[in-house]
Amino acid sequence: DKNDAELAAWWKALKGQRGKLLLGAYWVLYPGSPTSRADAF
């Protein structure tokens, strides 16, 4: 919908927990242009 400005800060804070915590991200999907949206993700 719009880029989440906190994503980089979240990753910096959490990436050290990999191995203890499975991390991931989600993309708000709207209709149309699904492959372009996946590339943008």
Full PDB file with SEQRES, HELIX, SHEET, SSBOND, CRYST1, ORIGX, SCALE, CONECT and MASTER records, all heavy atoms in Angstrom:
SEQRES   1 A   41  ASP LYS ASN ASP ALA GLU LEU ALA ALA TRP TRP LYS ALA          
SEQRES   2 A   41  LEU LYS GLY GLN ARG GLY LYS LEU LEU LEU GLY ALA TYR          
SEQRES   3 A   41  TRP VAL LEU TYR PRO GLY SER PRO THR SER ARG ALA ASP          
SEQRES   4 A   41  ALA PHE                                                      
HELIX    1 AA1 LEU A    7  LEU A   14  1                                   8    
HELIX    2 AA2 LYS A   15  GLN A   17  5                                   3    
HELIX    3 AA3 PRO A   34  ALA A   40  1                                   7    
CRYST1    1.000    1.000    1.000  90.00  90.00  90.00 P 1           1          
ORIGX1      1.000000  0.000000  0.000000        0.00000                         
ORIGX2      0.000000  1.000000  0.000000        0.00000                         
ORIGX3      0.000000  0.000000  1.000000        0.00000                         
SCALE1      1.000000  0.000000  0.000000        0.00000                         
SCALE2      0.000000  1.000000  0.000000        0.00000                         
SCALE3      0.000000  0.000000  1.000000        0.00000                         
ATOM      1  N   ASP A   1       0.858  -1.179   0.000  1.00  0.00           N  
ATOM      2  CA  ASP A   1       0.000   0.000   0.000  1.00  0.00           C  
ATOM      3  C   ASP A   1       0.901   1.238   0.000  1.00  0.00           C  
ATOM      4  O   ASP A   1       0.813   2.103  -0.846  1.00  0.00           O  
ATOM      5  CB  ASP A   1      -0.960  -0.007   1.191  1.00  0.00           C  
ATOM      6  CG  ASP A   1      -0.286  -0.298   2.533  1.00  0.00           C  
ATOM      7  OD1 ASP A   1       0.936  -0.546   2.558  1.00  0.00           O  
ATOM      8  OD2 ASP A   1      -0.987  -0.260   3.552  1.00  0.00           O  
ATOM      9  N   LYS A   2       1.787   1.269   0.942  1.00  0.00           N  
ATOM     10  CA  LYS A   2       2.884   2.230   0.954  1.00  0.00           C  
ATOM     11  C   LYS A   2       4.033   1.561   1.676  1.00  0.00           C  
ATOM     12  O   LYS A   2       3.829   0.698   2.533  1.00  0.00           O  
ATOM     13  CB  LYS A   2       2.489   3.538   1.643  1.00  0.00           C  
ATOM     14  CG  LYS A   2       2.087   3.379   3.107  1.00  0.00           C  
ATOM     15  CD  LYS A   2       1.714   4.723   3.692  1.00  0.00           C  
ATOM     16  CE  LYS A   2       1.316   4.591   5.166  1.00  0.00           C  
ATOM     17  NZ  LYS A   2       0.951   5.888   5.754  1.00  0.00           N  
ATOM     18  N   ASN A   3       5.255   1.937   1.326  1.00  0.00           N  
ATOM     19  CA  ASN A   3       6.402   1.305   1.956  1.00  0.00           C  
ATOM     20  C   ASN A   3       6.428   1.619   3.437  1.00  0.00           C  
ATOM     21  O   ASN A   3       6.147   2.744   3.859  1.00  0.00           O  
ATOM     22  CB  ASN A   3       7.702   1.780   1.302  1.00  0.00           C  
ATOM     23  CG  ASN A   3       7.883   1.239  -0.094  1.00  0.00           C  
ATOM     24  OD1 ASN A   3       7.299   0.215  -0.451  1.00  0.00           O  
ATOM     25  ND2 ASN A   3       8.677   1.909  -0.904  1.00  0.00           N  
ATOM     26  N   ASP A   4       6.735   0.618   4.228  1.00  0.00           N  
ATOM     27  CA  ASP A   4       6.778   0.797   5.666  1.00  0.00           C  
ATOM     28  C   ASP A   4       8.141   1.354   6.071  1.00  0.00           C  
ATOM     29  O   ASP A   4       9.160   0.696   5.912  1.00  0.00           O  
ATOM     30  CB  ASP A   4       6.510  -0.525   6.387  1.00  0.00           C  
ATOM     31  CG  ASP A   4       6.114  -0.305   7.828  1.00  0.00           C  
ATOM     32  OD1 ASP A   4       6.851   0.417   8.528  1.00  0.00           O  
ATOM     33  OD2 ASP A   4       5.075  -0.830   8.258  1.00  0.00           O  
ATOM     34  N   ALA A   5       8.139   2.576   6.585  1.00  0.00           N  
ATOM     35  CA  ALA A   5       9.391   3.261   6.903  1.00  0.00           C  
ATOM     36  C   ALA A   5      10.165   2.590   8.031  1.00  0.00           C  
ATOM     37  O   ALA A   5      11.370   2.814   8.173  1.00  0.00           O  
ATOM     38  CB  ALA A   5       9.103   4.722   7.269  1.00  0.00           C  
ATOM     39  N   GLU A   6       9.502   1.757   8.832  1.00  0.00           N  
ATOM     40  CA  GLU A   6      10.168   1.131   9.966  1.00  0.00           C  
ATOM     41  C   GLU A   6      10.824  -0.198   9.618  1.00  0.00           C  
ATOM     42  O   GLU A   6      11.466  -0.804  10.488  1.00  0.00           O  
ATOM     43  CB  GLU A   6       9.165   0.914  11.105  1.00  0.00           C  
ATOM     44  CG  GLU A   6       8.641   2.203  11.713  1.00  0.00           C  
ATOM     45  CD  GLU A   6       7.672   1.956  12.858  1.00  0.00           C  
ATOM     46  OE1 GLU A   6       7.320   0.783  13.107  1.00  0.00           O  
ATOM     47  OE2 GLU A   6       7.282   2.933  13.490  1.00  0.00           O  
ATOM     48  N   LEU A   7      10.681  -0.656   8.395  1.00  0.00           N  
ATOM     49  CA  LEU A   7      11.168  -1.995   8.047  1.00  0.00           C  
ATOM     50  C   LEU A   7      12.657  -2.154   8.310  1.00  0.00           C  
ATOM     51  O   LEU A   7      13.084  -3.146   8.901  1.00  0.00           O  
ATOM     52  CB  LEU A   7      10.847  -2.299   6.579  1.00  0.00           C  
ATOM     53  CG  LEU A   7      11.275  -3.675   6.073  1.00  0.00           C  
ATOM     54  CD1 LEU A   7      10.562  -4.797   6.823  1.00  0.00           C  
ATOM     55  CD2 LEU A   7      11.017  -3.798   4.561  1.00  0.00           C  
ATOM     56  N   ALA A   8      13.465  -1.191   7.877  1.00  0.00           N  
ATOM     57  CA  ALA A   8      14.914  -1.306   8.052  1.00  0.00           C  
ATOM     58  C   ALA A   8      15.297  -1.326   9.529  1.00  0.00           C  
ATOM     59  O   ALA A   8      16.173  -2.105   9.942  1.00  0.00           O  
ATOM     60  CB  ALA A   8      15.625  -0.161   7.336  1.00  0.00           C  
ATOM     61  N   ALA A   9      14.647  -0.485  10.329  1.00  0.00           N  
ATOM     62  CA  ALA A   9      14.946  -0.447  11.758  1.00  0.00           C  
ATOM     63  C   ALA A   9      14.533  -1.753  12.426  1.00  0.00           C  
ATOM     64  O   ALA A   9      15.240  -2.260  13.318  1.00  0.00           O  
ATOM     65  CB  ALA A   9      14.229   0.739  12.406  1.00  0.00           C  
ATOM     66  N   TRP A  10      13.389  -2.283  12.011  1.00  0.00           N  
ATOM     67  CA  TRP A  10      12.936  -3.568  12.548  1.00  0.00           C  
ATOM     68  C   TRP A  10      13.942  -4.670  12.232  1.00  0.00           C  
ATOM     69  O   TRP A  10      14.319  -5.463  13.104  1.00  0.00           O  
ATOM     70  CB  TRP A  10      11.563  -3.916  11.966  1.00  0.00           C  
ATOM     71  CG  TRP A  10      11.122  -5.311  12.240  1.00  0.00           C  
ATOM     72  CD1 TRP A  10      10.544  -5.785  13.377  1.00  0.00           C  
ATOM     73  CD2 TRP A  10      11.238  -6.438  11.358  1.00  0.00           C  
ATOM     74  NE1 TRP A  10      10.287  -7.134  13.264  1.00  0.00           N  
ATOM     75  CE2 TRP A  10      10.706  -7.557  12.034  1.00  0.00           C  
ATOM     76  CE3 TRP A  10      11.719  -6.603  10.058  1.00  0.00           C  
ATOM     77  CZ2 TRP A  10      10.649  -8.827  11.449  1.00  0.00           C  
ATOM     78  CZ3 TRP A  10      11.674  -7.861   9.487  1.00  0.00           C  
ATOM     79  CH2 TRP A  10      11.135  -8.958  10.182  1.00  0.00           C  
ATOM     80  N   TRP A  11      14.395  -4.721  10.986  1.00  0.00           N  
ATOM     81  CA  TRP A  11      15.344  -5.751  10.583  1.00  0.00           C  
ATOM     82  C   TRP A  11      16.644  -5.627  11.372  1.00  0.00           C  
ATOM     83  O   TRP A  11      17.201  -6.631  11.852  1.00  0.00           O  
ATOM     84  CB  TRP A  11      15.620  -5.650   9.083  1.00  0.00           C  
ATOM     85  CG  TRP A  11      16.632  -6.627   8.581  1.00  0.00           C  
ATOM     86  CD1 TRP A  11      17.915  -6.367   8.210  1.00  0.00           C  
ATOM     87  CD2 TRP A  11      16.467  -8.039   8.418  1.00  0.00           C  
ATOM     88  NE1 TRP A  11      18.556  -7.510   7.814  1.00  0.00           N  
ATOM     89  CE2 TRP A  11      17.679  -8.566   7.926  1.00  0.00           C  
ATOM     90  CE3 TRP A  11      15.396  -8.908   8.629  1.00  0.00           C  
ATOM     91  CZ2 TRP A  11      17.862  -9.911   7.653  1.00  0.00           C  
ATOM     92  CZ3 TRP A  11      15.582 -10.261   8.355  1.00  0.00           C  
ATOM     93  CH2 TRP A  11      16.797 -10.746   7.875  1.00  0.00           C  
ATOM     94  N   LYS A  12      17.130  -4.422  11.536  1.00  0.00           N  
ATOM     95  CA  LYS A  12      18.365  -4.201  12.277  1.00  0.00           C  
ATOM     96  C   LYS A  12      18.234  -4.694  13.715  1.00  0.00           C  
ATOM     97  O   LYS A  12      19.155  -5.287  14.268  1.00  0.00           O  
ATOM     98  CB  LYS A  12      18.733  -2.718  12.253  1.00  0.00           C  
ATOM     99  CG  LYS A  12      20.049  -2.400  12.928  1.00  0.00           C  
ATOM    100  CD  LYS A  12      20.386  -0.922  12.811  1.00  0.00           C  
ATOM    101  CE  LYS A  12      21.712  -0.597  13.489  1.00  0.00           C  
ATOM    102  NZ  LYS A  12      22.033   0.858  13.371  1.00  0.00           N  
ATOM    103  N   ALA A  13      17.054  -4.462  14.313  1.00  0.00           N  
ATOM    104  CA  ALA A  13      16.828  -4.854  15.702  1.00  0.00           C  
ATOM    105  C   ALA A  13      16.627  -6.348  15.880  1.00  0.00           C  
ATOM    106  O   ALA A  13      16.981  -6.907  16.921  1.00  0.00           O  
ATOM    107  CB  ALA A  13      15.614  -4.103  16.257  1.00  0.00           C  
ATOM    108  N   LEU A  14      16.070  -7.007  14.859  1.00  0.00           N  
ATOM    109  CA  LEU A  14      15.672  -8.412  15.023  1.00  0.00           C  
ATOM    110  C   LEU A  14      16.610  -9.420  14.374  1.00  0.00           C  
ATOM    111  O   LEU A  14      16.612 -10.601  14.744  1.00  0.00           O  
ATOM    112  CB  LEU A  14      14.262  -8.614  14.463  1.00  0.00           C  
ATOM    113  CG  LEU A  14      13.075  -8.357  15.392  1.00  0.00           C  
ATOM    114  CD1 LEU A  14      13.066  -9.344  16.552  1.00  0.00           C  
ATOM    115  CD2 LEU A  14      13.011  -6.951  15.899  1.00  0.00           C  
ATOM    116  N   LYS A  15      17.412  -9.010  13.393  1.00  0.00           N  
ATOM    117  CA  LYS A  15      18.163  -9.997  12.614  1.00  0.00           C  
ATOM    118  C   LYS A  15      19.132 -10.800  13.469  1.00  0.00           C  
ATOM    119  O   LYS A  15      19.465 -11.938  13.140  1.00  0.00           O  
ATOM    120  CB  LYS A  15      18.892  -9.325  11.455  1.00  0.00           C  
ATOM    121  CG  LYS A  15      19.979  -8.351  11.870  1.00  0.00           C  
ATOM    122  CD  LYS A  15      20.640  -7.727  10.630  1.00  0.00           C  
ATOM    123  CE  LYS A  15      21.737  -6.751  11.022  1.00  0.00           C  
ATOM    124  NZ  LYS A  15      22.365  -6.156   9.801  1.00  0.00           N  
ATOM    125  N   GLY A  16      19.575 -10.221  14.584  1.00  0.00           N  
ATOM    126  CA  GLY A  16      20.482 -10.948  15.469  1.00  0.00           C  
ATOM    127  C   GLY A  16      19.834 -12.126  16.174  1.00  0.00           C  
ATOM    128  O   GLY A  16      20.537 -12.953  16.762  1.00  0.00           O  
ATOM    129  N   GLN A  17      18.504 -12.208  16.096  1.00  0.00           N  
ATOM    130  CA  GLN A  17      17.779 -13.305  16.739  1.00  0.00           C  
ATOM    131  C   GLN A  17      17.541 -14.488  15.797  1.00  0.00           C  
ATOM    132  O   GLN A  17      16.926 -15.474  16.196  1.00  0.00           O  
ATOM    133  CB  GLN A  17      16.430 -12.800  17.264  1.00  0.00           C  
ATOM    134  CG  GLN A  17      16.541 -11.711  18.320  1.00  0.00           C  
ATOM    135  CD  GLN A  17      17.261 -12.172  19.564  1.00  0.00           C  
ATOM    136  OE1 GLN A  17      17.020 -13.268  20.062  1.00  0.00           O  
ATOM    137  NE2 GLN A  17      18.167 -11.346  20.081  1.00  0.00           N  
ATOM    138  N   ARG A  18      18.001 -14.380  14.566  1.00  0.00           N  
ATOM    139  CA  ARG A  18      17.826 -15.502  13.638  1.00  0.00           C  
ATOM    140  C   ARG A  18      18.498 -16.745  14.225  1.00  0.00           C  
ATOM    141  O   ARG A  18      19.592 -16.690  14.753  1.00  0.00           O  
ATOM    142  CB  ARG A  18      18.416 -15.184  12.257  1.00  0.00           C  
ATOM    143  CG  ARG A  18      17.702 -14.075  11.542  1.00  0.00           C  
ATOM    144  CD  ARG A  18      18.262 -13.862  10.147  1.00  0.00           C  
ATOM    145  NE  ARG A  18      17.444 -14.523   9.147  1.00  0.00           N  
ATOM    146  CZ  ARG A  18      17.649 -14.420   7.833  1.00  0.00           C  
ATOM    147  NH1 ARG A  18      18.660 -13.721   7.370  1.00  0.00           N  
ATOM    148  NH2 ARG A  18      16.850 -15.039   6.991  1.00  0.00           N  
ATOM    149  N   GLY A  19      17.812 -17.851  14.102  1.00  0.00           N  
ATOM    150  CA  GLY A  19      18.236 -19.079  14.765  1.00  0.00           C  
ATOM    151  C   GLY A  19      17.356 -19.346  15.967  1.00  0.00           C  
ATOM    152  O   GLY A  19      17.037 -20.492  16.265  1.00  0.00           O  
ATOM    153  N   LYS A  20      16.942 -18.269  16.635  1.00  0.00           N  
ATOM    154  CA  LYS A  20      15.966 -18.372  17.712  1.00  0.00           C  
ATOM    155  C   LYS A  20      14.572 -17.975  17.226  1.00  0.00           C  
ATOM    156  O   LYS A  20      13.563 -18.432  17.749  1.00  0.00           O  
ATOM    157  CB  LYS A  20      16.354 -17.456  18.876  1.00  0.00           C  
ATOM    158  CG  LYS A  20      17.674 -17.752  19.527  1.00  0.00           C  
ATOM    159  CD  LYS A  20      17.947 -16.744  20.633  1.00  0.00           C  
ATOM    160  CE  LYS A  20      19.286 -16.957  21.293  1.00  0.00           C  
ATOM    161  NZ  LYS A  20      19.548 -15.922  22.340  1.00  0.00           N  
ATOM    162  N   LEU A  21      14.545 -17.090  16.232  1.00  0.00           N  
ATOM    163  CA  LEU A  21      13.303 -16.492  15.761  1.00  0.00           C  
ATOM    164  C   LEU A  21      13.273 -16.529  14.238  1.00  0.00           C  
ATOM    165  O   LEU A  21      14.185 -16.042  13.577  1.00  0.00           O  
ATOM    166  CB  LEU A  21      13.236 -15.043  16.251  1.00  0.00           C  
ATOM    167  CG  LEU A  21      11.957 -14.255  16.068  1.00  0.00           C  
ATOM    168  CD1 LEU A  21      10.834 -14.814  16.957  1.00  0.00           C  
ATOM    169  CD2 LEU A  21      12.188 -12.781  16.410  1.00  0.00           C  
ATOM    170  N   LEU A  22      12.224 -17.124  13.673  1.00  0.00           N  
ATOM    171  CA  LEU A  22      12.049 -17.151  12.224  1.00  0.00           C  
ATOM    172  C   LEU A  22      11.443 -15.816  11.798  1.00  0.00           C  
ATOM    173  O   LEU A  22      10.361 -15.442  12.250  1.00  0.00           O  
ATOM    174  CB  LEU A  22      11.124 -18.302  11.822  1.00  0.00           C  
ATOM    175  CG  LEU A  22      10.762 -18.410  10.342  1.00  0.00           C  
ATOM    176  CD1 LEU A  22      12.012 -18.627   9.490  1.00  0.00           C  
ATOM    177  CD2 LEU A  22       9.758 -19.535  10.126  1.00  0.00           C  
ATOM    178  N   LEU A  23      12.148 -15.096  10.939  1.00  0.00           N  
ATOM    179  CA  LEU A  23      11.704 -13.775  10.504  1.00  0.00           C  
ATOM    180  C   LEU A  23      11.071 -13.839   9.122  1.00  0.00           C  
ATOM    181  O   LEU A  23      11.277 -14.781   8.365  1.00  0.00           O  
ATOM    182  CB  LEU A  23      12.884 -12.798  10.507  1.00  0.00           C  
ATOM    183  CG  LEU A  23      13.556 -12.555  11.857  1.00  0.00           C  
ATOM    184  CD1 LEU A  23      14.741 -11.612  11.690  1.00  0.00           C  
ATOM    185  CD2 LEU A  23      12.564 -11.989  12.867  1.00  0.00           C  
ATOM    186  N   GLY A  24      10.306 -12.811   8.805  1.00  0.00           N  
ATOM    187  CA  GLY A  24       9.660 -12.735   7.509  1.00  0.00           C  
ATOM    188  C   GLY A  24       9.047 -11.368   7.289  1.00  0.00           C  
ATOM    189  O   GLY A  24       9.171 -10.471   8.128  1.00  0.00           O  
ATOM    190  N   ALA A  25       8.382 -11.204   6.161  1.00  0.00           N  
ATOM    191  CA  ALA A  25       7.749  -9.924   5.835  1.00  0.00           C  
ATOM    192  C   ALA A  25       6.500 -10.178   5.009  1.00  0.00           C  
ATOM    193  O   ALA A  25       6.360 -11.222   4.377  1.00  0.00           O  
ATOM    194  CB  ALA A  25       8.721  -9.028   5.073  1.00  0.00           C  
ATOM    195  N   TYR A  26       5.585  -9.202   5.030  1.00  0.00           N  
ATOM    196  CA  TYR A  26       4.374  -9.338   4.224  1.00  0.00           C  
ATOM    197  C   TYR A  26       4.172  -8.129   3.332  1.00  0.00           C  
ATOM    198  O   TYR A  26       4.634  -7.023   3.605  1.00  0.00           O  
ATOM    199  CB  TYR A  26       3.149  -9.603   5.096  1.00  0.00           C  
ATOM    200  CG  TYR A  26       2.734  -8.534   6.090  1.00  0.00           C  
ATOM    201  CD1 TYR A  26       1.803  -7.554   5.746  1.00  0.00           C  
ATOM    202  CD2 TYR A  26       3.229  -8.541   7.389  1.00  0.00           C  
ATOM    203  CE1 TYR A  26       1.386  -6.602   6.665  1.00  0.00           C  
ATOM    204  CE2 TYR A  26       2.818  -7.604   8.318  1.00  0.00           C  
ATOM    205  CZ  TYR A  26       1.895  -6.631   7.953  1.00  0.00           C  
ATOM    206  OH  TYR A  26       1.489  -5.687   8.870  1.00  0.00           O  
ATOM    207  N   TRP A  27       3.494  -8.395   2.224  1.00  0.00           N  
ATOM    208  CA  TRP A  27       3.215  -7.389   1.207  1.00  0.00           C  
ATOM    209  C   TRP A  27       1.711  -7.272   1.041  1.00  0.00           C  
ATOM    210  O   TRP A  27       1.030  -8.268   0.831  1.00  0.00           O  
ATOM    211  CB  TRP A  27       3.839  -7.811  -0.122  1.00  0.00           C  
ATOM    212  CG  TRP A  27       3.892  -6.731  -1.165  1.00  0.00           C  
ATOM    213  CD1 TRP A  27       3.062  -6.590  -2.236  1.00  0.00           C  
ATOM    214  CD2 TRP A  27       4.840  -5.665  -1.250  1.00  0.00           C  
ATOM    215  NE1 TRP A  27       3.428  -5.502  -2.981  1.00  0.00           N  
ATOM    216  CE2 TRP A  27       4.525  -4.906  -2.391  1.00  0.00           C  
ATOM    217  CE3 TRP A  27       5.928  -5.267  -0.464  1.00  0.00           C  
ATOM    218  CZ2 TRP A  27       5.253  -3.777  -2.779  1.00  0.00           C  
ATOM    219  CZ3 TRP A  27       6.655  -4.144  -0.850  1.00  0.00           C  
ATOM    220  CH2 TRP A  27       6.318  -3.417  -1.988  1.00  0.00           C  
ATOM    221  N   VAL A  28       1.204  -6.059   1.185  1.00  0.00           N  
ATOM    222  CA  VAL A  28      -0.223  -5.824   0.982  1.00  0.00           C  
ATOM    223  C   VAL A  28      -0.500  -5.949  -0.511  1.00  0.00           C  
ATOM    224  O   VAL A  28      -0.008  -5.147  -1.312  1.00  0.00           O  
ATOM    225  CB  VAL A  28      -0.633  -4.436   1.507  1.00  0.00           C  
ATOM    226  CG1 VAL A  28      -2.114  -4.187   1.225  1.00  0.00           C  
ATOM    227  CG2 VAL A  28      -0.367  -4.338   3.008  1.00  0.00           C  
ATOM    228  N   LEU A  29      -1.256  -6.972  -0.876  1.00  0.00           N  
ATOM    229  CA  LEU A  29      -1.488  -7.276  -2.283  1.00  0.00           C  
ATOM    230  C   LEU A  29      -2.816  -6.698  -2.751  1.00  0.00           C  
ATOM    231  O   LEU A  29      -3.867  -6.986  -2.179  1.00  0.00           O  
ATOM    232  CB  LEU A  29      -1.468  -8.792  -2.500  1.00  0.00           C  
ATOM    233  CG  LEU A  29      -1.603  -9.271  -3.951  1.00  0.00           C  
ATOM    234  CD1 LEU A  29      -0.440  -8.758  -4.800  1.00  0.00           C  
ATOM    235  CD2 LEU A  29      -1.669 -10.794  -4.007  1.00  0.00           C  
ATOM    236  N   TYR A  30      -2.738  -5.889  -3.798  1.00  0.00           N  
ATOM    237  CA  TYR A  30      -3.931  -5.343  -4.439  1.00  0.00           C  
ATOM    238  C   TYR A  30      -4.137  -6.046  -5.788  1.00  0.00           C  
ATOM    239  O   TYR A  30      -3.220  -6.689  -6.311  1.00  0.00           O  
ATOM    240  CB  TYR A  30      -3.773  -3.841  -4.652  1.00  0.00           C  
ATOM    241  CG  TYR A  30      -3.962  -3.023  -3.409  1.00  0.00           C  
ATOM    242  CD1 TYR A  30      -2.885  -2.713  -2.576  1.00  0.00           C  
ATOM    243  CD2 TYR A  30      -5.222  -2.550  -3.044  1.00  0.00           C  
ATOM    244  CE1 TYR A  30      -3.049  -1.967  -1.418  1.00  0.00           C  
ATOM    245  CE2 TYR A  30      -5.400  -1.800  -1.893  1.00  0.00           C  
ATOM    246  CZ  TYR A  30      -4.321  -1.510  -1.094  1.00  0.00           C  
ATOM    247  OH  TYR A  30      -4.497  -0.775   0.053  1.00  0.00           O  
ATOM    248  N   PRO A  31      -5.319  -5.936  -6.366  1.00  0.00           N  
ATOM    249  CA  PRO A  31      -5.564  -6.579  -7.662  1.00  0.00           C  
ATOM    250  C   PRO A  31      -4.701  -5.979  -8.777  1.00  0.00           C  
ATOM    251  O   PRO A  31      -4.369  -4.794  -8.756  1.00  0.00           O  
ATOM    252  CB  PRO A  31      -7.052  -6.293  -7.911  1.00  0.00           C  
ATOM    253  CG  PRO A  31      -7.635  -6.044  -6.556  1.00  0.00           C  
ATOM    254  CD  PRO A  31      -6.546  -5.348  -5.794  1.00  0.00           C  
ATOM    255  N   GLY A  32      -4.344  -6.837  -9.737  1.00  0.00           N  
ATOM    256  CA  GLY A  32      -3.619  -6.394 -10.912  1.00  0.00           C  
ATOM    257  C   GLY A  32      -2.103  -6.448 -10.763  1.00  0.00           C  
ATOM    258  O   GLY A  32      -1.556  -6.267  -9.670  1.00  0.00           O  
ATOM    259  N   SER A  33      -1.428  -6.715 -11.894  1.00  0.00           N  
ATOM    260  CA  SER A  33       0.045  -6.715 -11.974  1.00  0.00           C  
ATOM    261  C   SER A  33       0.711  -7.535 -10.874  1.00  0.00           C  
ATOM    262  O   SER A  33       1.628  -7.058 -10.181  1.00  0.00           O  
ATOM    263  CB  SER A  33       0.573  -5.274 -11.934  1.00  0.00           C  
ATOM    264  OG  SER A  33      -0.028  -4.468 -12.913  1.00  0.00           O  
ATOM    265  N   PRO A  34       0.310  -8.781 -10.679  1.00  0.00           N  
ATOM    266  CA  PRO A  34       0.854  -9.554  -9.553  1.00  0.00           C  
ATOM    267  C   PRO A  34       2.349  -9.819  -9.644  1.00  0.00           C  
ATOM    268  O   PRO A  34       3.030  -9.815  -8.607  1.00  0.00           O  
ATOM    269  CB  PRO A  34       0.047 -10.859  -9.603  1.00  0.00           C  
ATOM    270  CG  PRO A  34      -0.426 -10.966 -11.009  1.00  0.00           C  
ATOM    271  CD  PRO A  34      -0.678  -9.560 -11.451  1.00  0.00           C  
ATOM    272  N   THR A  35       2.890 -10.064 -10.833  1.00  0.00           N  
ATOM    273  CA  THR A  35       4.331 -10.350 -10.911  1.00  0.00           C  
ATOM    274  C   THR A  35       5.147  -9.091 -10.631  1.00  0.00           C  
ATOM    275  O   THR A  35       6.192  -9.163  -9.980  1.00  0.00           O  
ATOM    276  CB  THR A  35       4.717 -10.939 -12.280  1.00  0.00           C  
ATOM    277  OG1 THR A  35       4.328 -10.047 -13.327  1.00  0.00           O  
ATOM    278  CG2 THR A  35       4.022 -12.278 -12.501  1.00  0.00           C  
ATOM    279  N   SER A  36       4.674  -7.940 -11.095  1.00  0.00           N  
ATOM    280  CA  SER A  36       5.375  -6.682 -10.798  1.00  0.00           C  
ATOM    281  C   SER A  36       5.338  -6.390  -9.306  1.00  0.00           C  
ATOM    282  O   SER A  36       6.323  -5.908  -8.729  1.00  0.00           O  
ATOM    283  CB  SER A  36       4.738  -5.521 -11.571  1.00  0.00           C  
ATOM    284  OG  SER A  36       4.883  -5.688 -12.957  1.00  0.00           O  
ATOM    285  N   ARG A  37       4.221  -6.697  -8.672  1.00  0.00           N  
ATOM    286  CA  ARG A  37       4.107  -6.489  -7.228  1.00  0.00           C  
ATOM    287  C   ARG A  37       5.049  -7.437  -6.477  1.00  0.00           C  
ATOM    288  O   ARG A  37       5.655  -7.048  -5.471  1.00  0.00           O  
ATOM    289  CB  ARG A  37       2.660  -6.678  -6.785  1.00  0.00           C  
ATOM    290  CG  ARG A  37       1.699  -5.649  -7.360  1.00  0.00           C  
ATOM    291  CD  ARG A  37       0.267  -5.873  -6.870  1.00  0.00           C  
ATOM    292  NE  ARG A  37      -0.692  -5.084  -7.598  1.00  0.00           N  
ATOM    293  CZ  ARG A  37      -1.015  -3.812  -7.338  1.00  0.00           C  
ATOM    294  NH1 ARG A  37      -0.412  -3.192  -6.336  1.00  0.00           N  
ATOM    295  NH2 ARG A  37      -1.910  -3.170  -8.052  1.00  0.00           N  
ATOM    296  N   ALA A  38       5.169  -8.666  -6.949  1.00  0.00           N  
ATOM    297  CA  ALA A  38       6.100  -9.606  -6.316  1.00  0.00           C  
ATOM    298  C   ALA A  38       7.541  -9.127  -6.453  1.00  0.00           C  
ATOM    299  O   ALA A  38       8.331  -9.207  -5.492  1.00  0.00           O  
ATOM    300  CB  ALA A  38       5.932 -10.997  -6.931  1.00  0.00           C  
ATOM    301  N   ASP A  39       7.900  -8.615  -7.632  1.00  0.00           N  
ATOM    302  CA  ASP A  39       9.250  -8.080  -7.824  1.00  0.00           C  
ATOM    303  C   ASP A  39       9.497  -6.888  -6.909  1.00  0.00           C  
ATOM    304  O   ASP A  39      10.599  -6.729  -6.361  1.00  0.00           O  
ATOM    305  CB  ASP A  39       9.448  -7.667  -9.281  1.00  0.00           C  
ATOM    306  CG  ASP A  39       9.661  -8.852 -10.214  1.00  0.00           C  
ATOM    307  OD1 ASP A  39      10.141  -9.904  -9.745  1.00  0.00           O  
ATOM    308  OD2 ASP A  39       9.346  -8.724 -11.412  1.00  0.00           O  
ATOM    309  N   ALA A  40       8.481  -6.048  -6.738  1.00  0.00           N  
ATOM    310  CA  ALA A  40       8.623  -4.884  -5.864  1.00  0.00           C  
ATOM    311  C   ALA A  40       8.828  -5.320  -4.407  1.00  0.00           C  
ATOM    312  O   ALA A  40       9.599  -4.694  -3.657  1.00  0.00           O  
ATOM    313  CB  ALA A  40       7.393  -3.985  -5.983  1.00  0.00           C  
ATOM    314  N   PHE A  41       8.151  -6.386  -4.004  1.00  0.00           N  
ATOM    315  CA  PHE A  41       8.299  -6.953  -2.663  1.00  0.00           C  
ATOM    316  C   PHE A  41       9.739  -7.387  -2.434  1.00  0.00           C  
ATOM    317  O   PHE A  41      10.384  -7.003  -1.439  1.00  0.00           O  
ATOM    318  CB  PHE A  41       7.330  -8.119  -2.530  1.00  0.00           C  
ATOM    319  CG  PHE A  41       7.254  -8.789  -1.186  1.00  0.00           C  
ATOM    320  CD1 PHE A  41       7.794  -8.211  -0.044  1.00  0.00           C  
ATOM    321  CD2 PHE A  41       6.615 -10.019  -1.052  1.00  0.00           C  
ATOM    322  CE1 PHE A  41       7.705  -8.835   1.205  1.00  0.00           C  
ATOM    323  CE2 PHE A  41       6.511 -10.651   0.182  1.00  0.00           C  
ATOM    324  CZ  PHE A  41       7.071 -10.062   1.303  1.00  0.00           C  
TER     325      PHE A  41                                                      
MASTER        0    0    0    3    0    0    0    6  324    1    0    4          
END                                                                             
